[in-house]
Amino acid sequence: MALLNYNRSILTNEAYTSAIVLNDFEQLILQFGLFVPQSTNFIELLTTIGWTVTNVTPLEPDQPIIALTILQDGLVVASINQESIEDGSDTPLENLSTFQAVLTDVAAGHHVYQLFARNLQTSQGTITIIGPANISGKVIG
C-alpha cells in the first residue's frame, strides 16, 4: 500500500473566517479534482466544517440539522446529517462536523469531488458555515 495521489480544497482552516448562510437548497461549498492512476485502490475523503446556529426556535424539533453530501463525478458517495448542539438560549451555538468516507476500487482516471451543504430545518434556526471548512482526498493503492 502506498499513497498514489492527494488533493484538497480549503475554504479556510480557521474558525470565524467565512460566513456562508445555508438555506434548504444544497449549496456547493468546496470541490477538487483527484487523479486515480490504477483501478485497484481505495480513496479516503476527510471533511471538516465549522458552523454556528442562531435564531433558534423554541418549538420542537428545536435544533436545525446540517446535511453534508459528497459527490464523485455528480453521484452521491457519502453524506451525513448532524443536529446542532443544544445550549439553552446561548447563541451562537458553535458546532464542528468532521466525517470520513472510504471508497474502494474507484475507476482509474480523473474524478471531481464536490461537498454540498444545506440546512434541513430552516424554520428551527439559521446555520452559518464559519470555518474551518475543508475537504481532502487520498488515493491509496
Protein backbone atom coordinates (compact mmCIF):
# COMPACT_ATOMS: atom_id res chain seq x y z
CA MET A 1 0.00 0.00 0.00
CA ALA A 2 1.30 3.39 -0.99
CA LEU A 3 -0.04 6.92 -1.30
CA LEU A 4 -0.62 7.43 -5.03
CA ASN A 5 -2.18 10.90 -5.06
CA TYR A 6 -3.50 13.61 -2.77
CA ASN A 7 -5.53 16.78 -3.26
CA ARG A 8 -7.72 19.09 -1.21
CA SER A 9 -9.98 22.09 -1.27
CA ILE A 10 -9.74 24.64 1.51
CA LEU A 11 -12.15 27.48 2.11
CA THR A 12 -10.41 28.16 5.42
CA ASN A 13 -8.53 26.35 8.17
CA GLU A 14 -9.57 28.92 10.78
CA ALA A 15 -12.80 29.49 12.68
CA TYR A 16 -14.77 32.68 12.04
CA THR A 17 -13.10 33.44 8.72
CA SER A 18 -16.08 32.78 6.45
CA ALA A 19 -19.84 33.34 6.56
CA ILE A 20 -21.93 31.12 4.31
CA VAL A 21 -25.56 31.09 5.41
CA LEU A 22 -27.25 27.80 4.47
CA ASN A 23 -30.80 27.53 3.23
CA ASP A 24 -32.88 24.46 2.39
CA PHE A 25 -31.27 24.05 -1.06
CA GLU A 26 -27.93 22.31 -1.48
CA GLN A 27 -25.09 24.78 -1.85
CA LEU A 28 -21.69 23.89 -3.32
CA ILE A 29 -19.12 24.64 -0.63
CA LEU A 30 -15.91 23.01 -1.89
CA GLN A 31 -14.64 20.97 -4.83
CA PHE A 32 -11.41 19.47 -6.13
CA GLY A 33 -10.13 17.06 -8.75
CA LEU A 34 -8.25 13.85 -8.00
CA PHE A 35 -6.41 11.63 -10.46
CA VAL A 36 -6.66 7.90 -9.77
CA PRO A 37 -3.76 6.10 -11.53
CA GLN A 38 -4.94 2.50 -11.05
CA SER A 39 -8.28 0.76 -10.54
CA THR A 40 -7.21 -1.31 -7.51
CA ASN A 41 -7.32 1.34 -4.81
CA PHE A 42 -9.16 2.99 -2.05
CA ILE A 43 -9.82 6.68 -1.61
CA GLU A 44 -10.09 8.36 1.77
CA LEU A 45 -12.11 11.56 1.86
CA LEU A 46 -11.95 13.70 5.00
CA THR A 47 -14.20 16.71 5.58
CA THR A 48 -14.32 19.29 8.37
CA ILE A 49 -16.94 22.03 8.58
CA GLY A 50 -17.29 24.56 11.42
CA TRP A 51 -20.75 26.09 11.74
CA THR A 52 -22.89 28.14 14.05
CA VAL A 53 -26.61 28.29 14.76
CA THR A 54 -28.54 31.46 15.57
CA ASN A 55 -32.24 32.37 15.78
CA VAL A 56 -33.16 29.02 17.37
CA THR A 57 -36.89 28.44 17.69
CA PRO A 58 -38.35 27.13 20.97
CA LEU A 59 -40.67 24.73 19.09
CA GLU A 60 -39.91 21.01 18.65
CA PRO A 61 -37.78 19.90 16.98
CA ASP A 62 -35.81 22.78 18.40
CA GLN A 63 -32.49 22.48 16.57
CA PRO A 64 -31.60 22.81 12.90
CA ILE A 65 -29.82 19.97 11.12
CA ILE A 66 -26.92 20.41 8.71
CA ALA A 67 -26.73 17.99 5.77
CA LEU A 68 -23.31 17.44 4.19
CA THR A 69 -23.06 15.47 0.95
CA ILE A 70 -20.00 14.45 -1.09
CA LEU A 71 -20.41 13.77 -4.80
CA GLN A 72 -17.96 11.98 -7.05
CA ASP A 73 -18.50 12.97 -10.68
CA GLY A 74 -22.04 14.09 -9.83
CA LEU A 75 -23.06 10.97 -7.88
CA VAL A 76 -23.51 10.86 -4.09
CA VAL A 77 -20.78 8.77 -2.43
CA ALA A 78 -21.09 9.95 1.19
CA SER A 79 -23.38 12.03 3.38
CA ILE A 80 -24.17 12.88 6.99
CA ASN A 81 -26.86 14.79 8.83
CA GLN A 82 -25.91 16.39 12.14
CA GLU A 83 -28.25 18.12 14.55
CA SER A 84 -26.97 21.24 16.28
CA ILE A 85 -25.99 21.05 19.90
CA GLU A 86 -28.49 22.41 22.42
CA ASP A 87 -27.23 25.04 24.80
CA GLY A 88 -30.24 26.89 26.11
CA SER A 89 -30.51 30.47 24.96
CA ASP A 90 -26.77 30.99 24.42
CA THR A 91 -26.06 31.95 20.83
CA PRO A 92 -24.38 31.43 18.57
CA LEU A 93 -24.26 27.68 19.12
CA GLU A 94 -20.88 26.51 17.81
CA ASN A 95 -20.65 23.15 16.03
CA LEU A 96 -17.96 21.18 14.21
CA SER A 97 -18.77 18.36 11.79
CA THR A 98 -15.98 16.03 10.72
CA PHE A 99 -16.50 12.86 8.77
CA GLN A 100 -14.52 10.41 6.68
CA ALA A 101 -15.63 8.35 3.71
CA VAL A 102 -13.72 5.46 2.15
CA LEU A 103 -14.33 4.47 -1.47
CA THR A 104 -12.92 1.26 -2.92
CA ASP A 105 -11.82 0.32 -6.43
CA VAL A 106 -12.64 3.69 -7.98
CA ALA A 107 -12.12 3.62 -11.76
CA ALA A 108 -8.78 4.92 -13.00
CA GLY A 109 -8.85 8.47 -14.36
CA HIS A 110 -9.67 11.97 -13.20
CA HIS A 111 -12.59 12.43 -10.79
CA VAL A 112 -14.28 15.55 -9.42
CA TYR A 113 -15.30 15.64 -5.75
CA GLN A 114 -17.79 18.21 -4.50
CA LEU A 115 -19.01 18.99 -0.99
CA PHE A 116 -22.56 20.35 -0.71
CA ALA A 117 -24.29 21.63 2.44
CA ARG A 118 -27.82 22.66 3.40
CA ASN A 119 -30.00 23.34 6.43
CA LEU A 120 -32.65 20.62 6.68
CA GLN A 121 -34.75 22.63 9.15
CA THR A 122 -34.52 26.31 8.28
CA SER A 123 -37.55 27.14 10.43
CA GLN A 124 -35.66 25.87 13.50
CA GLY A 125 -32.70 28.25 13.17
CA THR A 126 -30.05 29.75 10.92
CA ILE A 127 -26.93 27.73 10.07
CA THR A 128 -23.83 29.66 9.02
CA ILE A 129 -20.58 27.99 7.94
CA ILE A 130 -17.88 29.92 9.76
CA GLY A 131 -14.82 27.72 9.30
CA PRO A 132 -12.79 25.71 9.31
CA ALA A 133 -14.12 24.40 6.00
CA ASN A 134 -12.04 21.91 4.06
CA ILE A 135 -12.06 18.53 2.31
CA SER A 136 -9.16 16.31 1.29
CA GLY A 137 -8.77 13.13 -0.69
CA LYS A 138 -6.02 10.49 -0.74
CA VAL A 139 -5.67 7.71 -3.31
CA ILE A 140 -4.01 4.64 -1.80
CA GLY A 141 -3.07 1.60 -3.84
